[in-house]
Amino acid sequence: MNELDTYYRALLDLRNTTSNARQCAMLNAAIAAADTDEDKIVVTRAKCTVDEDWICAIEEGLIHIEKAIKEERQFIRSNGEVVPIEKVKNVSKESVQHLAKHGNLITHVPDNESDIVPDKLFTVERLNDYTVYENRFLYMLLCYLRDFVTLRYNKILDLTNKYEGALSMNKTVSSAKRRMTYVVNLKEERHDDKYLRENNEAKPLIDRIDLILKTILAFLATPLMEYASKVAMLKPPITKTNVLKMDNNFKGAVKLYDFIIAYDKAGYSVEHEMLTMSPFKEDLAVELADCGALISFITYEYGLGIRPELKERYAEQESLRRLDELKKKTEQLEALGRRLKKSDVSVEEYILSLEKHIRALDAECSKTEKLISEISTMKAAERAYLDKIDKLEGETNALRQEILDEKSRHGMEIAKIQKQHEMDMETLCESHREELRINKELHEKELENIRLHISDIQSSFNKALDEQKAAVTSVRDELAAKDRECSDLRERLTLAEAIAKAVRVQRGEELGEFTDKESFNELERQYNAFLRFYKKEWQKAKKQIRKNVLNLENLRKKKDDDERHE
């Protein structure tokens, strides 16, 4: 039984005892009814949302670090020296090669010339050295990870497991023979609270962080890392050796190193929630009234010094209560003896039946405890599913916002294209109007000149008239060409809009509704433009196909003619 259960049981016992006493119940009701605006409870909790990106990155990187540690990279250091022949333990290939180059080590030849024994010999001692650059890099990375995770883990625990509560009360209760003023101001802070630690929305992620930290400490305790810790630690920037660039495990470790070096965020966000209870609910008001009446009693008891008298009276009441319990048990045993005498069942059989009944009750209790355990497991699973649902809802909202942003961006692009098209059309029309005005002025001048000289240069007038007609025809042809160009631009714009909608549909975007008349007519116009584009391109393709087929046939004929000539 933990502290919370103990206080809750004590409060229930107090409530059960005082509610059965008339005067106590009346006093509690009067205290509970005397609510004021100052009566309130304020509880502040920190809701911590942990970012999962750095947790997933470290979990993935630790897999590569573990495999890299198991490789136990090393290099063999050779130490050679010339020692007297008496101290030589092993003779290696290097010893023979050194002796062949240094014949001065043989100072005398024994009588048996087949066995030559030198006075001194070169020996090589090979030592395994694990302080290679890659192992030192792993040790530095694990130290960085330990500090990186510890800093955030301690801060998240301090935020999520911190309780801040405040209670303020100011009550005045008056009766004919009693007046009590009850003022309470309570402020409390609890760190590393057990209840908050177990009932926390971020608990699954906190458990993952705890496992990550324990894994990092376990890696640092391996013999390889302890050996690497005895030399000077590396300092950034690191040198990417061939092993760090080519080995998959060390590549994963370097990727994690780059991630934590570049990570400049806190890794979590905090939102403080404040719960205020004012006015008090009926149950809360009654329980606080019991506490107030209890404090009044303690003040009265110690103020008048009546504790010994109350203690003596309590002992007498307890003696009478125990005597009554003994009498009830005696009466129950006597009644049991009378029932046994009246029945034909022996005492042993009756005891056996009672034991069977007790075992059955124990079995039912076990089933009940099992059901309670299953209910607790189901509640924990329900909390986990609710957390997953909240996470999925957040991702859905983010996707919806992204879709809305994409639609807005596409709308702005389309509006920009339409505006540019209108500006181009206006420029072309203005140019055409200016050309018409100039041509009209020229035409009027020519007509005026012709009228002035009509009698003298009739032939020149006819020629000029023909040239003017040709100029007008040219201008009309040019206007027609411009109109066709404008029509072609409109056609291209319609085709581009149709292609843009097709691309957006392929990307899975929603284009809205086209059931109204104007939208459907626009859609049909885009469809017809695409059909015209398709037919035009198909004509070009057919011509190219015919050309390719004719070329192929000509090549075949030429080949057949060459073969016949041969």
Protein backbone atom coordinates (compact mmCIF):
# COMPACT_ATOMS: atom_id res chain seq x y z
CA MET A 1 0.00 0.00 0.00
CA ASN A 2 1.56 3.27 -1.11
CA GLU A 3 1.23 6.71 0.43
CA LEU A 4 -1.79 7.73 -1.68
CA ASP A 5 -3.72 4.58 -0.78
CA THR A 6 -2.92 5.06 2.92
CA TYR A 7 -4.20 8.64 3.02
CA TYR A 8 -7.27 7.75 0.97
CA ARG A 9 -8.14 4.92 3.38
CA ALA A 10 -7.61 7.22 6.38
CA LEU A 11 -9.88 9.86 4.77
CA LEU A 12 -12.62 7.30 4.14
CA ASP A 13 -12.38 6.07 7.74
CA LEU A 14 -12.67 9.67 8.96
CA ARG A 15 -15.69 10.30 6.69
CA ASN A 16 -17.42 7.09 7.81
CA THR A 17 -16.85 7.92 11.47
CA THR A 18 -17.97 11.56 11.35
CA SER A 19 -20.96 10.99 9.06
CA ASN A 20 -22.53 8.64 11.65
CA ALA A 21 -22.28 11.29 14.40
CA ARG A 22 -25.06 13.89 14.23
CA GLN A 23 -23.15 16.88 15.65
CA CYS A 24 -20.07 16.19 13.49
CA ALA A 25 -22.24 15.87 10.37
CA MET A 26 -23.96 19.18 11.13
CA LEU A 27 -20.62 20.97 11.66
CA ASN A 28 -19.19 19.53 8.42
CA ALA A 29 -22.29 20.58 6.48
CA ALA A 30 -22.02 24.13 7.86
CA ILE A 31 -18.31 24.37 6.93
CA ALA A 32 -18.95 22.97 3.43
CA ALA A 33 -21.83 25.40 2.82
CA ALA A 34 -19.72 28.45 3.77
CA ASP A 35 -18.15 28.87 0.29
CA THR A 36 -16.46 32.12 -0.71
CA ASP A 37 -14.79 33.40 -3.86
CA GLU A 38 -11.41 32.80 -2.22
CA ASP A 39 -11.99 29.05 -1.99
CA LYS A 40 -10.15 27.43 -4.88
CA ILE A 41 -7.65 24.76 -5.84
CA VAL A 42 -5.14 25.48 -8.62
CA VAL A 43 -3.04 22.64 -10.07
CA THR A 44 -0.37 23.23 -12.73
CA ARG A 45 1.03 20.44 -14.90
CA ALA A 46 3.52 20.52 -17.74
CA LYS A 47 2.45 18.66 -20.88
CA CYS A 48 5.63 17.72 -22.69
CA THR A 49 5.60 16.73 -26.37
CA VAL A 50 8.79 14.89 -27.29
CA ASP A 51 10.09 15.06 -30.88
CA GLU A 52 10.57 11.57 -32.24
CA ASP A 53 13.08 12.41 -34.97
CA TRP A 54 16.19 12.42 -32.76
CA ILE A 55 15.04 9.31 -30.87
CA CYS A 56 14.62 7.33 -34.11
CA ALA A 57 17.95 8.62 -35.45
CA ILE A 58 19.84 7.56 -32.30
CA GLU A 59 18.10 4.16 -32.17
CA GLU A 60 19.06 3.49 -35.76
CA GLY A 61 22.61 4.72 -35.20
CA LEU A 62 23.14 2.58 -32.07
CA ILE A 63 22.57 -0.54 -34.18
CA HIS A 64 25.54 0.43 -36.38
CA ILE A 65 27.63 1.41 -33.34
CA GLU A 66 27.03 -1.99 -31.73
CA LYS A 67 28.16 -3.78 -34.88
CA ALA A 68 31.17 -1.49 -35.21
CA ILE A 69 32.23 -2.25 -31.61
CA LYS A 70 31.96 -5.98 -32.30
CA GLU A 71 34.45 -5.61 -35.17
CA GLU A 72 37.17 -4.78 -32.54
CA ARG A 73 39.46 -3.04 -35.01
CA GLN A 74 43.15 -3.14 -34.06
CA PHE A 75 46.66 -2.95 -35.44
CA ILE A 76 49.64 -5.09 -34.47
CA ARG A 77 52.67 -3.21 -33.17
CA SER A 78 56.03 -4.95 -33.52
CA ASN A 79 58.90 -4.25 -31.13
CA GLY A 80 62.25 -5.80 -32.06
CA GLU A 81 65.57 -5.90 -30.22
CA VAL A 82 68.82 -7.92 -30.16
CA VAL A 83 69.16 -10.00 -26.99
CA PRO A 84 71.64 -12.67 -25.79
CA ILE A 85 70.90 -16.15 -27.05
CA GLU A 86 70.18 -17.34 -23.50
CA LYS A 87 67.13 -15.02 -23.28
CA VAL A 88 65.61 -15.95 -26.64
CA LYS A 89 62.29 -17.76 -26.29
CA ASN A 90 60.93 -17.80 -29.86
CA VAL A 91 62.72 -17.63 -33.21
CA SER A 92 60.78 -16.07 -36.07
CA LYS A 93 61.35 -15.43 -39.75
CA GLU A 94 62.52 -11.91 -38.93
CA SER A 95 65.18 -13.39 -36.60
CA VAL A 96 66.67 -15.48 -39.42
CA GLN A 97 66.57 -12.57 -41.89
CA HIS A 98 68.29 -10.28 -39.39
CA LEU A 99 70.96 -12.90 -38.65
CA ALA A 100 71.63 -13.36 -42.38
CA LYS A 101 72.30 -9.60 -42.66
CA HIS A 102 74.35 -9.34 -39.44
CA GLY A 103 76.92 -12.13 -39.45
CA ASN A 104 78.91 -10.34 -36.73
CA LEU A 105 76.48 -11.80 -34.19
CA ILE A 106 78.20 -15.20 -34.77
CA THR A 107 81.54 -14.87 -32.93
CA HIS A 108 82.65 -18.52 -32.84
CA VAL A 109 81.90 -21.81 -34.59
CA PRO A 110 81.54 -25.00 -32.49
CA ASP A 111 83.47 -28.19 -33.29
CA ASN A 112 80.37 -29.57 -34.97
CA GLU A 113 80.19 -27.10 -37.88
CA SER A 114 76.71 -28.26 -38.86
CA ASP A 115 75.21 -26.44 -35.85
CA ILE A 116 75.96 -22.70 -35.74
CA VAL A 117 74.87 -20.92 -32.57
CA PRO A 118 75.04 -17.08 -32.54
CA ASP A 119 75.88 -15.19 -29.38
CA LYS A 120 72.95 -12.78 -29.88
CA LEU A 121 69.71 -12.95 -31.85
CA PHE A 122 67.05 -10.48 -33.02
CA THR A 123 63.59 -11.14 -31.49
CA VAL A 124 60.25 -9.55 -32.38
CA GLU A 125 57.42 -8.93 -29.91
CA ARG A 126 53.99 -8.32 -31.41
CA LEU A 127 51.39 -6.40 -29.38
CA ASN A 128 47.74 -5.82 -30.25
CA ASP A 129 46.81 -2.13 -30.08
CA TYR A 130 43.10 -1.25 -30.02
CA THR A 131 43.59 2.53 -29.95
CA VAL A 132 43.04 2.90 -33.68
CA TYR A 133 41.41 6.08 -34.95
CA GLU A 134 38.06 4.41 -35.64
CA ASN A 135 37.73 3.06 -32.06
CA ARG A 136 38.62 6.47 -30.65
CA PHE A 137 35.93 7.98 -32.89
CA LEU A 138 33.36 5.50 -31.50
CA TYR A 139 34.33 6.44 -27.93
CA MET A 140 34.03 10.16 -28.69
CA LEU A 141 30.62 9.59 -30.37
CA LEU A 142 29.30 7.61 -27.39
CA CYS A 143 30.43 10.34 -24.98
CA TYR A 144 28.65 12.95 -27.10
CA LEU A 145 25.54 10.78 -27.21
CA ARG A 146 25.61 10.27 -23.45
CA ASP A 147 25.70 14.03 -22.82
CA PHE A 148 23.17 14.73 -25.62
CA VAL A 149 20.60 12.24 -24.31
CA THR A 150 21.21 12.84 -20.57
CA LEU A 151 20.60 16.58 -20.88
CA ARG A 152 17.24 16.13 -22.63
CA TYR A 153 16.20 13.09 -20.57
CA ASN A 154 16.69 14.86 -17.23
CA LYS A 155 14.89 17.97 -18.45
CA ILE A 156 11.92 15.98 -19.80
CA LEU A 157 11.66 13.99 -16.56
CA ASP A 158 11.79 17.15 -14.47
CA LEU A 159 8.99 18.72 -16.55
CA THR A 160 6.65 15.73 -16.80
CA ASN A 161 7.04 14.47 -13.22
CA LYS A 162 6.68 17.85 -11.51
CA TYR A 163 3.48 18.63 -9.55
CA GLU A 164 2.51 22.15 -8.46
CA GLY A 165 -0.61 22.59 -6.34
CA ALA A 166 -2.14 25.46 -4.39
CA LEU A 167 -5.14 25.59 -2.04
CA SER A 168 -6.69 28.72 -0.60
CA MET A 169 -9.70 28.79 1.73
CA ASN A 170 -11.29 31.46 3.91
CA LYS A 171 -14.41 30.25 5.76
CA THR A 172 -16.35 31.64 8.69
CA VAL A 173 -18.91 29.39 10.46
CA SER A 174 -21.15 30.83 13.19
CA SER A 175 -23.80 29.28 15.40
CA ALA A 176 -25.50 30.23 18.66
CA LYS A 177 -22.63 29.00 20.83
CA ARG A 178 -19.70 28.72 18.41
CA ARG A 179 -17.80 30.79 15.86
CA MET A 180 -14.91 29.45 13.75
CA THR A 181 -12.82 31.24 11.12
CA TYR A 182 -10.90 28.85 8.91
CA VAL A 183 -8.11 30.28 6.66
CA VAL A 184 -5.83 27.99 4.66
CA ASN A 185 -3.09 28.84 2.17
CA LEU A 186 -1.23 25.82 0.83
CA LYS A 187 1.44 25.72 -1.86
CA GLU A 188 3.19 22.47 -2.75
CA GLU A 189 5.75 21.27 -5.27
CA ARG A 190 6.62 17.63 -5.87
CA HIS A 191 9.48 16.49 -8.05
CA ASP A 192 9.80 13.01 -9.53
CA ASP A 193 6.22 12.22 -8.56
CA LYS A 194 5.48 8.51 -8.87
CA TYR A 195 1.88 8.93 -10.02
CA LEU A 196 2.79 11.44 -12.74
CA ARG A 197 5.68 9.23 -13.81
CA GLU A 198 3.36 6.26 -14.36
CA ASN A 199 0.43 8.23 -15.83
CA ASN A 200 2.16 10.36 -18.43
CA GLU A 201 1.23 10.76 -22.10
CA ALA A 202 4.90 10.85 -23.09
CA LYS A 203 5.79 7.71 -21.08
CA PRO A 204 6.37 5.43 -24.15
CA LEU A 205 8.88 7.89 -25.62
CA ILE A 206 10.48 8.49 -22.19
CA ASP A 207 10.93 4.72 -21.80
CA ARG A 208 12.62 4.63 -25.21
CA ILE A 209 14.96 7.44 -24.18
CA ASP A 210 15.76 5.59 -20.94
CA LEU A 211 16.58 2.44 -22.93
CA ILE A 212 18.79 4.49 -25.29
CA LEU A 213 20.71 5.99 -22.35
CA LYS A 214 21.20 2.56 -20.73
CA THR A 215 22.41 1.17 -24.07
CA ILE A 216 24.94 4.00 -24.46
CA LEU A 217 26.28 3.43 -20.93
CA ALA A 218 26.51 -0.31 -21.62
CA PHE A 219 28.53 0.36 -24.79
CA LEU A 220 30.87 2.69 -22.86
CA ALA A 221 31.44 -0.12 -20.33
CA THR A 222 32.67 -2.60 -22.97
CA PRO A 223 36.38 -3.55 -22.77
CA LEU A 224 37.07 -1.98 -26.18
CA MET A 225 35.67 1.43 -25.13
CA GLU A 226 37.41 1.26 -21.74
CA TYR A 227 40.67 0.64 -23.62
CA ALA A 228 39.95 3.58 -25.97
CA SER A 229 39.19 5.84 -22.98
CA LYS A 230 42.78 5.56 -21.75
CA VAL A 231 44.10 7.71 -24.60
CA ALA A 232 43.33 11.33 -25.44
CA MET A 233 39.80 11.87 -26.78
CA LEU A 234 39.42 13.07 -30.36
CA LYS A 235 38.30 16.61 -31.04
CA PRO A 236 36.18 17.83 -33.95
CA PRO A 237 36.46 18.00 -36.87
CA ILE A 238 36.94 14.31 -37.52
CA THR A 239 39.06 12.87 -40.32
CA LYS A 240 36.95 10.57 -42.50
CA THR A 241 39.29 7.67 -43.09
CA ASN A 242 38.60 4.95 -45.65
CA VAL A 243 37.03 2.80 -42.94
CA LEU A 244 34.68 5.61 -41.87
CA LYS A 245 33.70 6.20 -45.51
CA MET A 246 33.48 2.62 -46.80
CA ASP A 247 32.46 0.38 -43.88
CA ASN A 248 28.65 0.28 -43.56
CA ASN A 249 28.68 0.17 -39.76
CA PHE A 250 31.08 3.09 -39.40
CA LYS A 251 29.17 5.00 -42.12
CA GLY A 252 26.04 4.68 -39.96
CA ALA A 253 28.00 5.94 -36.93
CA VAL A 254 29.32 8.94 -38.91
CA LYS A 255 25.77 9.71 -40.06
CA LEU A 256 24.60 9.76 -36.43
CA TYR A 257 27.58 11.96 -35.48
CA ASP A 258 26.69 14.48 -38.20
CA PHE A 259 23.07 14.44 -37.00
CA ILE A 260 23.74 15.22 -33.34
CA ILE A 261 26.41 17.82 -34.20
CA ALA A 262 23.96 19.68 -36.45
CA TYR A 263 20.94 19.22 -34.13
CA ASP A 264 20.23 22.63 -32.59
CA LYS A 265 16.68 22.11 -31.28
CA ALA A 266 15.57 21.28 -27.74
CA GLY A 267 13.99 18.02 -28.89
CA TYR A 268 10.76 18.65 -27.01
CA SER A 269 8.09 21.28 -26.47
CA VAL A 270 6.29 22.19 -23.24
CA GLU A 271 2.74 23.37 -22.66
CA HIS A 272 1.67 24.23 -19.11
CA GLU A 273 -1.90 23.27 -18.22
CA MET A 274 -3.61 24.98 -15.26
CA LEU A 275 -6.68 23.42 -13.63
CA THR A 276 -8.73 25.66 -11.33
CA MET A 277 -11.55 24.31 -9.13
CA SER A 278 -13.78 27.07 -7.81
CA PRO A 279 -16.38 26.80 -6.37
CA PHE A 280 -15.79 23.40 -4.81
CA LYS A 281 -17.88 20.40 -5.74
CA GLU A 282 -20.01 18.82 -3.01
CA ASP A 283 -17.70 15.85 -2.33
CA LEU A 284 -14.59 18.05 -2.26
CA ALA A 285 -16.24 20.62 0.01
CA VAL A 286 -17.33 17.91 2.50
CA GLU A 287 -13.89 16.28 2.60
CA LEU A 288 -12.17 19.65 3.19
CA ALA A 289 -14.79 20.39 5.89
CA ASP A 290 -13.79 17.14 7.66
CA CYS A 291 -10.16 18.27 7.58
CA GLY A 292 -11.13 21.70 8.97
CA ALA A 293 -13.18 20.17 11.76
CA LEU A 294 -10.27 17.83 12.56
CA ILE A 295 -7.85 20.76 12.85
CA SER A 296 -10.37 22.54 15.11
CA PHE A 297 -10.56 19.46 17.33
CA ILE A 298 -6.74 19.15 17.56
CA THR A 299 -6.48 22.83 18.53
CA TYR A 300 -9.21 22.38 21.17
CA GLU A 301 -7.66 19.14 22.48
CA TYR A 302 -4.15 20.51 23.00
CA GLY A 303 -5.37 23.98 24.00
CA LEU A 304 -7.39 22.66 26.96
CA GLY A 305 -5.00 19.80 27.73
CA ILE A 306 -7.71 17.11 27.64
CA ARG A 307 -5.70 14.57 25.65
CA PRO A 308 -5.11 12.20 28.65
CA GLU A 309 -8.84 12.21 29.46
CA LEU A 310 -9.76 11.51 25.84
CA LYS A 311 -7.14 8.78 25.65
CA GLU A 312 -8.54 7.10 28.81
CA ARG A 313 -12.09 7.33 27.47
CA TYR A 314 -10.95 5.88 24.13
CA ALA A 315 -9.32 2.94 25.94
CA GLU A 316 -12.57 2.25 27.83
CA GLN A 317 -14.60 2.38 24.61
CA GLU A 318 -12.17 0.05 22.87
CA SER A 319 -12.38 -2.40 25.81
CA LEU A 320 -16.17 -2.35 25.64
CA ARG A 321 -16.03 -2.79 21.84
CA ARG A 322 -13.68 -5.78 22.10
CA LEU A 323 -15.92 -7.26 24.87
CA ASP A 324 -18.94 -6.89 22.60
CA GLU A 325 -17.04 -8.58 19.75
CA LEU A 326 -16.09 -11.48 22.07
CA LYS A 327 -19.70 -11.85 23.17
CA LYS A 328 -20.86 -11.91 19.55
CA LYS A 329 -18.25 -14.55 18.66
CA THR A 330 -19.24 -16.60 21.75
CA GLU A 331 -22.90 -16.42 20.74
CA GLN A 332 -22.00 -17.46 17.20
CA LEU A 333 -20.00 -20.46 18.47
CA GLU A 334 -22.83 -21.50 20.81
CA ALA A 335 -25.32 -21.23 17.95
CA LEU A 336 -22.97 -23.26 15.77
CA GLY A 337 -22.72 -25.95 18.50
CA ARG A 338 -26.51 -26.09 18.77
CA ARG A 339 -26.85 -26.51 15.00
CA LEU A 340 -24.30 -29.32 15.03
CA LYS A 341 -26.16 -31.10 17.84
CA LYS A 342 -29.47 -30.85 15.99
CA SER A 343 -27.97 -32.08 12.67
CA ASP A 344 -26.55 -35.52 11.99
CA VAL A 345 -23.30 -34.07 10.55
CA SER A 346 -20.12 -34.60 12.56
CA VAL A 347 -17.74 -31.80 13.46
CA GLU A 348 -15.06 -33.12 11.10
CA GLU A 349 -17.47 -33.20 8.15
CA TYR A 350 -18.69 -29.71 8.95
CA ILE A 351 -15.09 -28.43 9.11
CA LEU A 352 -14.34 -30.16 5.78
CA SER A 353 -17.35 -28.50 4.19
CA LEU A 354 -16.21 -25.14 5.56
CA GLU A 355 -12.71 -25.71 4.15
CA LYS A 356 -14.19 -26.56 0.74
CA HIS A 357 -16.26 -23.41 0.87
CA ILE A 358 -13.17 -21.38 1.82
CA ARG A 359 -11.18 -22.91 -1.07
CA ALA A 360 -14.03 -22.06 -3.44
CA LEU A 361 -14.00 -18.50 -2.14
CA ASP A 362 -10.20 -18.37 -2.64
CA ALA A 363 -10.62 -19.58 -6.22
CA GLU A 364 -13.22 -16.89 -6.87
CA CYS A 365 -10.88 -14.28 -5.37
CA SER A 366 -8.07 -15.48 -7.66
CA LYS A 367 -10.38 -15.19 -10.68
CA THR A 368 -11.40 -11.72 -9.57
CA GLU A 369 -7.77 -10.65 -9.17
CA LYS A 370 -6.99 -12.06 -12.62
CA LEU A 371 -9.91 -10.13 -14.12
CA ILE A 372 -8.71 -6.95 -12.39
CA SER A 373 -5.23 -7.51 -13.84
CA GLU A 374 -6.68 -8.06 -17.32
CA ILE A 375 -8.76 -4.90 -16.98
CA SER A 376 -5.63 -2.94 -16.02
CA THR A 377 -3.79 -4.36 -19.05
CA MET A 378 -6.70 -3.45 -21.33
CA LYS A 379 -6.76 0.08 -19.92
CA ALA A 380 -3.03 0.45 -20.59
CA ALA A 381 -3.56 -0.82 -24.15
CA GLU A 382 -6.45 1.60 -24.53
CA ARG A 383 -4.22 4.49 -23.45
CA ALA A 384 -1.60 3.39 -25.98
CA TYR A 385 -4.22 3.24 -28.76
CA LEU A 386 -5.51 6.68 -27.78
CA ASP A 387 -1.96 8.03 -27.99
CA LYS A 388 -1.58 6.50 -31.46
CA ILE A 389 -4.92 8.00 -32.52
CA ASP A 390 -3.82 11.45 -31.31
CA LYS A 391 -0.57 11.09 -33.21
CA LEU A 392 -2.36 10.02 -36.42
CA GLU A 393 -4.80 12.92 -36.07
CA GLY A 394 -1.88 15.31 -35.80
CA GLU A 395 -0.28 13.82 -38.94
CA THR A 396 -3.64 14.04 -40.77
CA ASN A 397 -4.03 17.70 -39.85
CA ALA A 398 -0.49 18.39 -41.05
CA LEU A 399 -1.23 16.67 -44.38
CA ARG A 400 -4.44 18.63 -44.76
CA GLN A 401 -2.60 21.87 -44.14
CA GLU A 402 0.05 20.84 -46.67
CA ILE A 403 -2.68 20.12 -49.26
CA LEU A 404 -4.28 23.51 -48.63
CA ASP A 405 -0.90 25.23 -49.01
CA GLU A 406 -0.27 23.35 -52.26
CA LYS A 407 -3.69 24.34 -53.61
CA SER A 408 -3.05 27.96 -52.68
CA ARG A 409 0.33 27.88 -54.42
CA HIS A 410 -1.16 26.38 -57.59
CA GLY A 411 -3.94 28.98 -57.54
CA MET A 412 -1.38 31.76 -57.31
CA GLU A 413 0.60 30.30 -60.22
CA ILE A 414 -2.53 30.02 -62.39
CA ALA A 415 -3.54 33.58 -61.51
CA LYS A 416 -0.05 34.76 -62.42
CA ILE A 417 -0.21 32.99 -65.80
CA GLN A 418 -3.65 34.42 -66.54
CA LYS A 419 -2.50 37.93 -65.62
CA GLN A 420 0.55 37.61 -67.85
CA HIS A 421 -1.66 36.35 -70.69
CA GLU A 422 -4.00 39.32 -70.34
CA MET A 423 -1.05 41.71 -70.34
CA ASP A 424 0.33 40.08 -73.52
CA MET A 425 -3.08 40.29 -75.22
CA GLU A 426 -3.45 43.94 -74.28
CA THR A 427 0.04 44.72 -75.63
CA LEU A 428 -0.70 42.95 -78.93
CA CYS A 429 -4.05 44.72 -79.33
CA GLU A 430 -2.46 48.09 -78.61
CA SER A 431 0.24 47.38 -81.19
CA HIS A 432 -2.40 46.41 -83.76
CA ARG A 433 -4.40 49.56 -83.08
CA GLU A 434 -1.30 51.72 -83.48
CA GLU A 435 -0.45 50.04 -86.77
CA LEU A 436 -4.00 50.57 -88.04
CA ARG A 437 -3.89 54.21 -87.04
CA ILE A 438 -0.58 54.77 -88.85
CA ASN A 439 -1.81 52.94 -91.93
CA LYS A 440 -5.00 54.95 -91.92
CA GLU A 441 -3.08 58.23 -91.74
CA LEU A 442 -0.86 57.16 -94.61
CA HIS A 443 -3.84 56.10 -96.63
CA GLU A 444 -5.59 59.43 -96.13
CA LYS A 445 -2.46 61.32 -97.14
CA GLU A 446 -2.12 59.25 -100.28
CA LEU A 447 -5.77 59.86 -101.18
CA GLU A 448 -5.34 63.58 -100.66
CA ASN A 449 -2.29 63.65 -102.89
CA ILE A 450 -4.14 61.65 -105.53
CA ARG A 451 -7.07 64.04 -105.45
CA LEU A 452 -4.75 67.03 -105.92
CA HIS A 453 -2.97 65.49 -108.91
CA ILE A 454 -5.82 63.46 -110.43
CA SER A 455 -5.96 65.42 -113.62
CA ASP A 456 -2.21 65.28 -114.28
CA ILE A 457 -1.15 61.80 -113.14
CA GLN A 458 -4.10 59.51 -113.78
CA SER A 459 -1.80 56.60 -114.54
CA SER A 460 0.27 57.26 -111.41
CA PHE A 461 -2.92 57.36 -109.40
CA ASN A 462 -3.95 53.94 -110.69
CA LYS A 463 -0.53 52.54 -109.86
CA ALA A 464 -0.56 54.08 -106.38
CA LEU A 465 -4.07 52.80 -105.87
CA ASP A 466 -2.95 49.30 -106.73
CA GLU A 467 -0.02 49.60 -104.31
CA GLN A 468 -2.36 50.85 -101.60
CA LYS A 469 -4.72 47.94 -102.17
CA ALA A 470 -1.76 45.59 -101.88
CA ALA A 471 -0.70 47.29 -98.62
CA VAL A 472 -4.22 46.98 -97.21
CA THR A 473 -4.30 43.30 -98.18
CA SER A 474 -0.93 42.82 -96.46
CA VAL A 475 -2.20 44.54 -93.33
CA ARG A 476 -5.31 42.39 -93.35
CA ASP A 477 -3.22 39.26 -93.81
CA GLU A 478 -1.04 40.39 -90.93
CA LEU A 479 -4.09 41.03 -88.74
CA ALA A 480 -5.43 37.61 -89.64
CA ALA A 481 -2.05 36.09 -88.75
CA LYS A 482 -2.07 37.93 -85.41
CA ASP A 483 -5.61 36.70 -84.74
CA ARG A 484 -4.51 33.15 -85.51
CA GLU A 485 -1.53 33.64 -83.19
CA CYS A 486 -3.86 34.87 -80.40
CA SER A 487 -6.12 31.88 -81.00
CA ASP A 488 -3.11 29.58 -80.90
CA LEU A 489 -1.99 31.17 -77.60
CA ARG A 490 -5.45 30.66 -76.11
CA GLU A 491 -5.37 27.06 -77.34
CA ARG A 492 -1.95 26.52 -75.73
CA LEU A 493 -3.12 28.06 -72.46
CA THR A 494 -6.18 25.82 -72.43
CA LEU A 495 -3.96 22.80 -73.18
CA ALA A 496 -1.51 23.80 -70.41
CA GLU A 497 -4.38 24.08 -67.91
CA ALA A 498 -5.63 20.63 -68.95
CA ILE A 499 -2.14 19.14 -68.56
CA ALA A 500 -1.71 20.84 -65.16
CA LYS A 501 -5.00 19.34 -63.95
CA ALA A 502 -3.95 15.90 -65.24
CA VAL A 503 -0.62 16.16 -63.39
CA ARG A 504 -2.37 17.20 -60.16
CA VAL A 505 -4.77 14.26 -60.48
CA GLN A 506 -1.80 11.91 -60.96
CA ARG A 507 -0.29 13.33 -57.78
CA GLY A 508 -3.48 12.47 -55.89
CA GLU A 509 -4.67 16.03 -55.33
CA GLU A 510 -8.30 17.03 -55.07
CA LEU A 511 -9.40 19.42 -57.87
CA GLY A 512 -12.82 20.30 -56.46
CA GLU A 513 -16.23 19.96 -58.07
CA PHE A 514 -17.00 20.54 -61.78
CA THR A 515 -20.75 19.94 -61.64
CA ASP A 516 -21.77 23.56 -62.24
CA LYS A 517 -22.29 24.74 -65.82
CA GLU A 518 -19.36 27.14 -66.11
CA SER A 519 -16.80 24.74 -64.58
CA PHE A 520 -17.99 21.87 -66.76
CA ASN A 521 -17.92 24.05 -69.92
CA GLU A 522 -14.36 25.08 -69.06
CA LEU A 523 -13.42 21.43 -68.52
CA GLU A 524 -15.04 20.48 -71.86
CA ARG A 525 -13.17 23.29 -73.64
CA GLN A 526 -9.88 22.01 -72.19
CA TYR A 527 -10.79 18.49 -73.27
CA ASN A 528 -11.53 19.62 -76.86
CA ALA A 529 -8.23 21.53 -76.94
CA PHE A 530 -6.37 18.40 -75.87
CA LEU A 531 -8.20 16.37 -78.60
CA ARG A 532 -7.18 18.90 -81.24
CA PHE A 533 -3.61 18.75 -79.97
CA TYR A 534 -3.73 14.96 -80.04
CA LYS A 535 -5.08 14.85 -83.65
CA LYS A 536 -2.47 17.35 -84.81
CA GLU A 537 0.39 15.39 -83.25
CA TRP A 538 -1.07 12.14 -84.56
CA GLN A 539 -1.02 13.53 -88.13
CA LYS A 540 2.64 14.43 -87.67
CA ALA A 541 3.35 10.98 -86.24
CA LYS A 542 1.59 9.26 -89.16
CA LYS A 543 3.63 11.27 -91.67
CA GLN A 544 6.82 10.32 -89.85
CA ILE A 545 5.75 6.67 -89.73
CA ARG A 546 4.99 6.68 -93.48
CA LYS A 547 8.34 8.32 -94.15
CA ASN A 548 10.15 5.73 -92.01
CA VAL A 549 8.24 2.89 -93.71
CA LEU A 550 9.04 4.25 -97.19
CA ASN A 551 12.70 4.66 -96.26
CA LEU A 552 12.71 1.09 -94.94
CA GLU A 553 11.11 -0.21 -98.14
CA ASN A 554 13.62 1.72 -100.27
CA LEU A 555 16.46 0.28 -98.24
CA ARG A 556 15.05 -3.23 -98.69
CA LYS A 557 14.64 -2.72 -102.45
CA LYS A 558 18.14 -1.39 -102.76
CA LYS A 559 19.46 -4.35 -100.78
CA ASP A 560 17.55 -6.80 -103.01
CA ASP A 561 18.90 -5.08 -106.16
CA ASP A 562 22.44 -5.26 -104.82
CA GLU A 563 22.01 -8.94 -104.03
CA ARG A 564 20.63 -9.66 -107.53
CA HIS A 565 23.52 -7.78 -109.17
CA GLU A 566 25.96 -9.77 -107.10
